Amino acid sequence: MPIPILMYHQIDEPPPRRSPGRGLWVPPARFGRQMRLMHRLGYRGLSMRELMPYIRGERSGKVFGITFDDGFHNVYQYAMPELDALGFTATNYFVCGQISGSNVWDRPLGIRPAALMSLAEMRRWHEGGHEVGSHTLDHVDLLRMTPAEARRQIAHSKDELEQLLGVPVTAFCYPYGSQDASHRMMVRDAGYANATITARGLARASDDPFGLPRICVYCGTGTLGFLRKCLTAHEDRWRQAQGLFRP
């Protein structure tokens, strides 16, 4: 059964309209409604570590994946309490070289700077049952890197995160979704168990575990649009969800 893996970036009030990258902010109240709605429909939100047995078909149930790119502090501040209240878990992909820093890679695009989680917050994220994944050392476009540098960004970020946490790091996410078959091989060889991309789609057992598609949730994604993205592959559940909004 196809499974949605949601992709978020920042959970905070968005900047003014027409600001660069505005779509990557989701207001906290909207995020909370989305999570509570999935809970109401009987779904459990899971980290990639917990979701993989369902994607492989080893387990069955009404589940969906929750992922956050970049490790923003506002995810810790606003999203984590919502997840914890519902018993959901999520994967956050951290840029290892910018822990306690900011989204410096967005500066050339004119995107507003935002704080990333500190080491203490990342550890509390992990201790709360959520997963720490890697988003490379420096949030680089792997297709623009030499093979040696791409391999270093992939493997060393895993090693450094594992040293900071004292646990295996098995989830990876390609910055910008930029990758090819050689990078997937590098991720596998580095010892990761799965990796996500930015291509839209539901995850299936037939998918390459090192190239899993996701559903991007944007600032302007309304409730029905959110449900349509998640549930249109499950027509009976989509009809059930629509019934929640009938007068």
C-alpha atoms as a PDB file:
ATOM      1  CA  MET A   1       0.000   0.000   0.000  1.00  0.00           C
ATOM      2  CA  PRO A   2       1.449   3.413  -0.947  1.00  0.00           C
ATOM      3  CA  ILE A   3       2.450   5.535   2.049  1.00  0.00           C
ATOM      4  CA  PRO A   4       2.768   9.344   2.203  1.00  0.00           C
ATOM      5  CA  ILE A   5       5.972  10.807   3.609  1.00  0.00           C
ATOM      6  CA  LEU A   6       5.377  14.458   4.466  1.00  0.00           C
ATOM      7  CA  MET A   7       8.139  16.998   3.929  1.00  0.00           C
ATOM      8  CA  TYR A   8       8.253  20.172   6.029  1.00  0.00           C
ATOM      9  CA  HIS A   9      10.916  22.818   6.527  1.00  0.00           C
ATOM     10  CA  GLN A  10       9.972  25.601   8.945  1.00  0.00           C
ATOM     11  CA  ILE A  11       7.029  25.609  11.358  1.00  0.00           C
ATOM     12  CA  ASP A  12       6.561  29.288  12.097  1.00  0.00           C
ATOM     13  CA  GLU A  13       4.598  32.325  10.963  1.00  0.00           C
ATOM     14  CA  PRO A  14       5.573  32.957   7.329  1.00  0.00           C
ATOM     15  CA  PRO A  15       7.215  36.134   6.063  1.00  0.00           C
ATOM     16  CA  PRO A  16       5.183  38.660   4.022  1.00  0.00           C
ATOM     17  CA  ARG A  17       3.690  37.639   0.689  1.00  0.00           C
ATOM     18  CA  ARG A  18       6.097  37.456  -2.247  1.00  0.00           C
ATOM     19  CA  SER A  19       9.027  36.951   0.136  1.00  0.00           C
ATOM     20  CA  PRO A  20      11.603  34.477  -1.249  1.00  0.00           C
ATOM     21  CA  GLY A  21      10.944  30.921  -0.128  1.00  0.00           C
ATOM     22  CA  ARG A  22       7.716  31.835   1.669  1.00  0.00           C
ATOM     23  CA  GLY A  23       6.117  28.512   0.759  1.00  0.00           C
ATOM     24  CA  LEU A  24       8.560  26.632   2.992  1.00  0.00           C
ATOM     25  CA  TRP A  25       6.996  28.075   6.158  1.00  0.00           C
ATOM     26  CA  VAL A  26       3.923  26.371   7.616  1.00  0.00           C
ATOM     27  CA  PRO A  27       2.159  28.278  10.425  1.00  0.00           C
ATOM     28  CA  PRO A  28       2.167  26.358  13.728  1.00  0.00           C
ATOM     29  CA  ALA A  29      -1.634  26.381  13.993  1.00  0.00           C
ATOM     30  CA  ARG A  30      -1.968  24.896  10.504  1.00  0.00           C
ATOM     31  CA  PHE A  31       0.624  22.228  11.239  1.00  0.00           C
ATOM     32  CA  GLY A  32      -1.235  21.310  14.429  1.00  0.00           C
ATOM     33  CA  ARG A  33      -4.534  20.991  12.543  1.00  0.00           C
ATOM     34  CA  GLN A  34      -2.903  18.752   9.935  1.00  0.00           C
ATOM     35  CA  MET A  35      -1.479  16.414  12.548  1.00  0.00           C
ATOM     36  CA  ARG A  36      -4.706  16.268  14.558  1.00  0.00           C
ATOM     37  CA  LEU A  37      -6.717  15.558  11.426  1.00  0.00           C
ATOM     38  CA  MET A  38      -4.532  12.601  10.492  1.00  0.00           C
ATOM     39  CA  HIS A  39      -4.851  11.354  14.058  1.00  0.00           C
ATOM     40  CA  ARG A  40      -8.625  11.723  13.855  1.00  0.00           C
ATOM     41  CA  LEU A  41      -8.618   9.624  10.680  1.00  0.00           C
ATOM     42  CA  GLY A  42      -6.800   6.871  12.552  1.00  0.00           C
ATOM     43  CA  TYR A  43      -3.295   7.447  11.191  1.00  0.00           C
ATOM     44  CA  ARG A  44      -0.035   7.310  13.125  1.00  0.00           C
ATOM     45  CA  GLY A  45       2.776   9.643  12.154  1.00  0.00           C
ATOM     46  CA  LEU A  46       6.167   7.923  12.161  1.00  0.00           C
ATOM     47  CA  SER A  47       9.843   8.683  11.722  1.00  0.00           C
ATOM     48  CA  MET A  48      11.634   7.097   8.789  1.00  0.00           C
ATOM     49  CA  ARG A  49      13.238   4.557  11.117  1.00  0.00           C
ATOM     50  CA  GLU A  50       9.806   3.356  12.254  1.00  0.00           C
ATOM     51  CA  LEU A  51       8.141   3.755   8.862  1.00  0.00           C
ATOM     52  CA  MET A  52      10.477   1.569   6.792  1.00  0.00           C
ATOM     53  CA  PRO A  53       8.944  -1.803   7.821  1.00  0.00           C
ATOM     54  CA  TYR A  54       5.586  -0.511   6.560  1.00  0.00           C
ATOM     55  CA  ILE A  55       7.070   0.690   3.269  1.00  0.00           C
ATOM     56  CA  ARG A  56       8.756  -2.689   2.768  1.00  0.00           C
ATOM     57  CA  GLY A  57       5.431  -4.453   3.459  1.00  0.00           C
ATOM     58  CA  GLU A  58       6.701  -6.178   6.601  1.00  0.00           C
ATOM     59  CA  ARG A  59       4.043  -4.442   8.696  1.00  0.00           C
ATOM     60  CA  SER A  60       0.616  -3.023   7.873  1.00  0.00           C
ATOM     61  CA  GLY A  61      -1.421  -0.196   9.319  1.00  0.00           C
ATOM     62  CA  LYS A  62      -2.620   3.355   8.758  1.00  0.00           C
ATOM     63  CA  VAL A  63       0.664   5.228   8.963  1.00  0.00           C
ATOM     64  CA  PHE A  64       2.425   8.152   7.323  1.00  0.00           C
ATOM     65  CA  GLY A  65       5.942   9.542   7.525  1.00  0.00           C
ATOM     66  CA  ILE A  66       6.849  12.955   8.948  1.00  0.00           C
ATOM     67  CA  THR A  67      10.124  14.582   7.932  1.00  0.00           C
ATOM     68  CA  PHE A  68      11.655  18.012   8.460  1.00  0.00           C
ATOM     69  CA  ASP A  69      14.575  19.326   6.449  1.00  0.00           C
ATOM     70  CA  ASP A  70      17.435  21.385   7.922  1.00  0.00           C
ATOM     71  CA  GLY A  71      16.889  21.143  11.702  1.00  0.00           C
ATOM     72  CA  PHE A  72      15.206  24.501  12.368  1.00  0.00           C
ATOM     73  CA  HIS A  73      14.740  25.656  15.945  1.00  0.00           C
ATOM     74  CA  ASN A  74      11.102  26.519  15.238  1.00  0.00           C
ATOM     75  CA  VAL A  75      10.418  22.831  14.570  1.00  0.00           C
ATOM     76  CA  TYR A  76      11.666  22.082  18.072  1.00  0.00           C
ATOM     77  CA  GLN A  77       9.639  24.984  19.473  1.00  0.00           C
ATOM     78  CA  TYR A  78       6.320  24.477  17.694  1.00  0.00           C
ATOM     79  CA  ALA A  79       6.155  21.078  15.985  1.00  0.00           C
ATOM     80  CA  MET A  80       7.684  18.827  18.623  1.00  0.00           C
ATOM     81  CA  PRO A  81       5.007  19.565  21.284  1.00  0.00           C
ATOM     82  CA  GLU A  82       2.240  18.794  18.762  1.00  0.00           C
ATOM     83  CA  LEU A  83       3.890  15.522  17.771  1.00  0.00           C
ATOM     84  CA  ASP A  84       4.480  14.495  21.362  1.00  0.00           C
ATOM     85  CA  ALA A  85       0.871  15.214  22.333  1.00  0.00           C
ATOM     86  CA  LEU A  86      -0.367  12.820  19.637  1.00  0.00           C
ATOM     87  CA  GLY A  87       2.277  10.138  20.161  1.00  0.00           C
ATOM     88  CA  PHE A  88       3.725  10.771  16.688  1.00  0.00           C
ATOM     89  CA  THR A  89       7.414  10.573  15.852  1.00  0.00           C
ATOM     90  CA  ALA A  90       9.326  12.347  13.088  1.00  0.00           C
ATOM     91  CA  THR A  91      12.696  12.493  11.370  1.00  0.00           C
ATOM     92  CA  ASN A  92      14.618  15.758  11.246  1.00  0.00           C
ATOM     93  CA  TYR A  93      17.504  15.988   8.774  1.00  0.00           C
ATOM     94  CA  PHE A  94      20.274  18.080  10.340  1.00  0.00           C
ATOM     95  CA  VAL A  95      22.993  20.018   8.546  1.00  0.00           C
ATOM     96  CA  CYS A  96      25.869  18.835  10.707  1.00  0.00           C
ATOM     97  CA  GLY A  97      28.124  21.840  10.150  1.00  0.00           C
ATOM     98  CA  GLN A  98      25.430  24.334  11.154  1.00  0.00           C
ATOM     99  CA  ILE A  99      24.134  22.940  14.446  1.00  0.00           C
ATOM    100  CA  SER A 100      23.423  26.038  16.591  1.00  0.00           C
ATOM    101  CA  GLY A 101      23.856  28.054  13.404  1.00  0.00           C
ATOM    102  CA  SER A 102      21.428  29.255  10.737  1.00  0.00           C
ATOM    103  CA  ASN A 103      20.352  28.537   7.174  1.00  0.00           C
ATOM    104  CA  VAL A 104      23.358  30.222   5.575  1.00  0.00           C
ATOM    105  CA  TRP A 105      22.833  28.265   2.324  1.00  0.00           C
ATOM    106  CA  ASP A 106      19.604  30.268   1.768  1.00  0.00           C
ATOM    107  CA  ARG A 107      21.355  33.645   1.930  1.00  0.00           C
ATOM    108  CA  PRO A 108      22.098  33.863  -1.837  1.00  0.00           C
ATOM    109  CA  LEU A 109      18.376  33.302  -2.499  1.00  0.00           C
ATOM    110  CA  GLY A 110      17.335  36.174  -0.229  1.00  0.00           C
ATOM    111  CA  ILE A 111      15.498  33.855   2.159  1.00  0.00           C
ATOM    112  CA  ARG A 112      15.107  35.173   5.682  1.00  0.00           C
ATOM    113  CA  PRO A 113      17.665  33.753   8.149  1.00  0.00           C
ATOM    114  CA  ALA A 114      16.345  31.459  10.846  1.00  0.00           C
ATOM    115  CA  ALA A 115      17.996  29.738  13.792  1.00  0.00           C
ATOM    116  CA  LEU A 116      18.758  26.028  13.691  1.00  0.00           C
ATOM    117  CA  MET A 117      18.588  23.723  16.698  1.00  0.00           C
ATOM    118  CA  SER A 118      21.405  23.751  19.199  1.00  0.00           C
ATOM    119  CA  LEU A 119      23.228  20.563  20.138  1.00  0.00           C
ATOM    120  CA  ALA A 120      21.214  20.368  23.369  1.00  0.00           C
ATOM    121  CA  GLU A 121      17.950  20.735  21.434  1.00  0.00           C
ATOM    122  CA  MET A 122      18.986  18.105  18.901  1.00  0.00           C
ATOM    123  CA  ARG A 123      19.738  15.729  21.755  1.00  0.00           C
ATOM    124  CA  ARG A 124      16.364  16.463  23.365  1.00  0.00           C
ATOM    125  CA  TRP A 125      14.718  15.816  19.988  1.00  0.00           C
ATOM    126  CA  HIS A 126      16.376  12.395  19.931  1.00  0.00           C
ATOM    127  CA  GLU A 127      15.637  11.679  23.599  1.00  0.00           C
ATOM    128  CA  GLY A 128      11.962  12.454  22.943  1.00  0.00           C
ATOM    129  CA  GLY A 129      11.764   9.479  20.582  1.00  0.00           C
ATOM    130  CA  HIS A 130      12.271  11.377  17.341  1.00  0.00           C
ATOM    131  CA  GLU A 131      14.924  10.568  14.775  1.00  0.00           C
ATOM    132  CA  VAL A 132      18.027  12.519  13.813  1.00  0.00           C
ATOM    133  CA  GLY A 133      18.954  12.136  10.156  1.00  0.00           C
ATOM    134  CA  SER A 134      21.702  13.685   8.045  1.00  0.00           C
ATOM    135  CA  HIS A 135      21.391  16.476   5.473  1.00  0.00           C
ATOM    136  CA  THR A 136      25.157  16.533   4.719  1.00  0.00           C
ATOM    137  CA  LEU A 137      27.817  18.609   6.467  1.00  0.00           C
ATOM    138  CA  ASP A 138      27.076  21.906   4.724  1.00  0.00           C
ATOM    139  CA  HIS A 139      23.776  21.618   2.812  1.00  0.00           C
ATOM    140  CA  VAL A 140      25.556  21.274  -0.518  1.00  0.00           C
ATOM    141  CA  ASP A 141      24.235  20.462  -3.969  1.00  0.00           C
ATOM    142  CA  LEU A 142      25.789  17.036  -4.397  1.00  0.00           C
ATOM    143  CA  LEU A 143      25.589  17.216  -8.188  1.00  0.00           C
ATOM    144  CA  ARG A 144      27.955  20.192  -8.069  1.00  0.00           C
ATOM    145  CA  MET A 145      30.493  18.401  -5.880  1.00  0.00           C
ATOM    146  CA  THR A 146      33.398  16.229  -6.963  1.00  0.00           C
ATOM    147  CA  PRO A 147      32.798  12.557  -6.156  1.00  0.00           C
ATOM    148  CA  ALA A 148      35.303  12.764  -3.307  1.00  0.00           C
ATOM    149  CA  GLU A 149      33.624  15.806  -1.763  1.00  0.00           C
ATOM    150  CA  ALA A 150      30.142  14.331  -2.186  1.00  0.00           C
ATOM    151  CA  ARG A 151      31.291  11.173  -0.433  1.00  0.00           C
ATOM    152  CA  ARG A 152      32.802  13.233   2.387  1.00  0.00           C
ATOM    153  CA  GLN A 153      29.615  15.270   2.838  1.00  0.00           C
ATOM    154  CA  ILE A 154      27.534  12.101   3.022  1.00  0.00           C
ATOM    155  CA  ALA A 155      29.757   9.878   5.164  1.00  0.00           C
ATOM    156  CA  HIS A 156      31.366  12.391   7.528  1.00  0.00           C
ATOM    157  CA  SER A 157      28.042  13.964   8.466  1.00  0.00           C
ATOM    158  CA  LYS A 158      26.838  10.532   9.561  1.00  0.00           C
ATOM    159  CA  ASP A 159      29.997   9.929  11.571  1.00  0.00           C
ATOM    160  CA  GLU A 160      29.832  13.321  13.287  1.00  0.00           C
ATOM    161  CA  LEU A 161      26.157  13.035  14.191  1.00  0.00           C
ATOM    162  CA  GLU A 162      26.738   9.563  15.610  1.00  0.00           C
ATOM    163  CA  GLN A 163      29.589  10.878  17.750  1.00  0.00           C
ATOM    164  CA  LEU A 164      27.385  13.693  19.062  1.00  0.00           C
ATOM    165  CA  LEU A 165      24.440  11.409  19.854  1.00  0.00           C
ATOM    166  CA  GLY A 166      26.046   8.054  20.609  1.00  0.00           C
ATOM    167  CA  VAL A 167      23.503   6.215  18.420  1.00  0.00           C
ATOM    168  CA  PRO A 168      23.427   5.051  14.778  1.00  0.00           C
ATOM    169  CA  VAL A 169      22.208   7.586  12.206  1.00  0.00           C
ATOM    170  CA  THR A 170      20.459   5.703   9.408  1.00  0.00           C
ATOM    171  CA  ALA A 171      18.322   8.302   7.572  1.00  0.00           C
ATOM    172  CA  PHE A 172      19.639  10.666   4.902  1.00  0.00           C
ATOM    173  CA  CYS A 173      18.114  13.445   2.813  1.00  0.00           C
ATOM    174  CA  TYR A 174      19.676  14.976  -0.307  1.00  0.00           C
ATOM    175  CA  PRO A 175      19.816  18.796  -0.093  1.00  0.00           C
ATOM    176  CA  TYR A 176      17.649  20.358  -2.818  1.00  0.00           C
ATOM    177  CA  GLY A 177      16.716  16.807  -3.805  1.00  0.00           C
ATOM    178  CA  SER A 178      19.860  16.920  -5.951  1.00  0.00           C
ATOM    179  CA  GLN A 179      21.300  13.461  -6.588  1.00  0.00           C
ATOM    180  CA  ASP A 180      21.872  10.695  -9.088  1.00  0.00           C
ATOM    181  CA  ALA A 181      22.570   6.960  -8.995  1.00  0.00           C
ATOM    182  CA  SER A 182      26.161   7.478  -7.863  1.00  0.00           C
ATOM    183  CA  HIS A 183      25.046   9.473  -4.817  1.00  0.00           C
ATOM    184  CA  ARG A 184      22.498   6.837  -3.879  1.00  0.00           C
ATOM    185  CA  MET A 185      25.332   4.309  -3.969  1.00  0.00           C
ATOM    186  CA  MET A 186      27.449   6.578  -1.742  1.00  0.00           C
ATOM    187  CA  VAL A 187      24.604   6.836   0.771  1.00  0.00           C
ATOM    188  CA  ARG A 188      24.168   3.072   0.834  1.00  0.00           C
ATOM    189  CA  ASP A 189      27.897   2.469   1.155  1.00  0.00           C
ATOM    190  CA  ALA A 190      28.136   4.949   4.043  1.00  0.00           C
ATOM    191  CA  GLY A 191      25.795   2.732   6.046  1.00  0.00           C
ATOM    192  CA  TYR A 192      22.487   4.567   5.865  1.00  0.00           C
ATOM    193  CA  ALA A 193      19.279   2.531   5.638  1.00  0.00           C
ATOM    194  CA  ASN A 194      17.152   4.963   3.616  1.00  0.00           C
ATOM    195  CA  ALA A 195      17.186   8.356   1.920  1.00  0.00           C
ATOM    196  CA  THR A 196      14.481  10.763   0.800  1.00  0.00           C
ATOM    197  CA  ILE A 197      14.256  13.057  -2.202  1.00  0.00           C
ATOM    198  CA  THR A 198      11.993  15.975  -3.161  1.00  0.00           C
ATOM    199  CA  ALA A 199      10.183  14.243  -6.040  1.00  0.00           C
ATOM    200  CA  ARG A 200       6.461  14.187  -5.299  1.00  0.00           C
ATOM    201  CA  GLY A 201       4.771  10.850  -4.760  1.00  0.00           C
ATOM    202  CA  LEU A 202       3.765   8.170  -2.286  1.00  0.00           C
ATOM    203  CA  ALA A 203       6.366   5.657  -1.143  1.00  0.00           C
ATOM    204  CA  ARG A 204       5.978   2.064  -2.308  1.00  0.00           C
ATOM    205  CA  ALA A 205       7.736  -1.216  -1.610  1.00  0.00           C
ATOM    206  CA  SER A 206       9.035  -1.154  -5.186  1.00  0.00           C
ATOM    207  CA  ASP A 207      10.828   2.185  -4.656  1.00  0.00           C
ATOM    208  CA  ASP A 208      14.561   2.441  -4.200  1.00  0.00           C
ATOM    209  CA  PRO A 209      14.986   2.885  -0.420  1.00  0.00           C
ATOM    210  CA  PHE A 210      17.687   5.459  -1.200  1.00  0.00           C
ATOM    211  CA  GLY A 211      15.355   7.539  -3.353  1.00  0.00           C
ATOM    212  CA  LEU A 212      12.022   7.685  -1.546  1.00  0.00           C
ATOM    213  CA  PRO A 213       9.561  10.364  -2.772  1.00  0.00           C
ATOM    214  CA  ARG A 214       7.766  12.730  -0.431  1.00  0.00           C
ATOM    215  CA  ILE A 215       4.765  15.038  -0.245  1.00  0.00           C
ATOM    216  CA  CYS A 216       5.832  18.656   0.256  1.00  0.00           C
ATOM    217  CA  VAL A 217       3.540  20.651   2.547  1.00  0.00           C
ATOM    218  CA  TYR A 218       3.624  24.368   1.772  1.00  0.00           C
ATOM    219  CA  CYS A 219       2.523  27.533   3.522  1.00  0.00           C
ATOM    220  CA  GLY A 220      -0.604  27.713   1.353  1.00  0.00           C
ATOM    221  CA  THR A 221      -1.591  24.043   1.608  1.00  0.00           C
ATOM    222  CA  GLY A 222      -5.153  24.101   2.956  1.00  0.00           C
ATOM    223  CA  THR A 223      -6.910  21.289   4.770  1.00  0.00           C
ATOM    224  CA  LEU A 224      -8.569  19.672   1.758  1.00  0.00           C
ATOM    225  CA  GLY A 225      -5.425  20.099  -0.324  1.00  0.00           C
ATOM    226  CA  PHE A 226      -3.424  18.464   2.437  1.00  0.00           C
ATOM    227  CA  LEU A 227      -5.775  15.499   2.587  1.00  0.00           C
ATOM    228  CA  ARG A 228      -5.838  15.168  -1.182  1.00  0.00           C
ATOM    229  CA  LYS A 229      -2.035  14.991  -1.271  1.00  0.00           C
ATOM    230  CA  CYS A 230      -1.964  12.335   1.417  1.00  0.00           C
ATOM    231  CA  LEU A 231      -4.976  10.174   0.680  1.00  0.00           C
ATOM    232  CA  THR A 232      -5.929  10.200  -3.002  1.00  0.00           C
ATOM    233  CA  ALA A 233      -4.179   6.865  -3.449  1.00  0.00           C
ATOM    234  CA  HIS A 234      -6.648   5.471  -0.890  1.00  0.00           C
ATOM    235  CA  GLU A 235     -10.035   6.320  -2.398  1.00  0.00           C
ATOM    236  CA  ASP A 236     -12.100   4.908   0.478  1.00  0.00           C
ATOM    237  CA  ARG A 237     -10.132   6.914   3.021  1.00  0.00           C
ATOM    238  CA  TRP A 238     -10.358  10.040   0.847  1.00  0.00           C
ATOM    239  CA  ARG A 239     -14.156   9.705   0.813  1.00  0.00           C
ATOM    240  CA  GLN A 240     -14.109   9.242   4.581  1.00  0.00           C
ATOM    241  CA  ALA A 241     -12.003  12.371   4.987  1.00  0.00           C
ATOM    242  CA  GLN A 242     -14.308  14.417   2.754  1.00  0.00           C
ATOM    243  CA  GLY A 243     -17.201  13.383   4.978  1.00  0.00           C
ATOM    244  CA  LEU A 244     -15.587  15.252   7.880  1.00  0.00           C
ATOM    245  CA  PHE A 245     -16.342  18.532   6.105  1.00  0.00           C
ATOM    246  CA  ARG A 246     -19.972  17.958   5.152  1.00  0.00           C
ATOM    247  CA  PRO A 247     -22.519  20.164   6.952  1.00  0.00           C
END
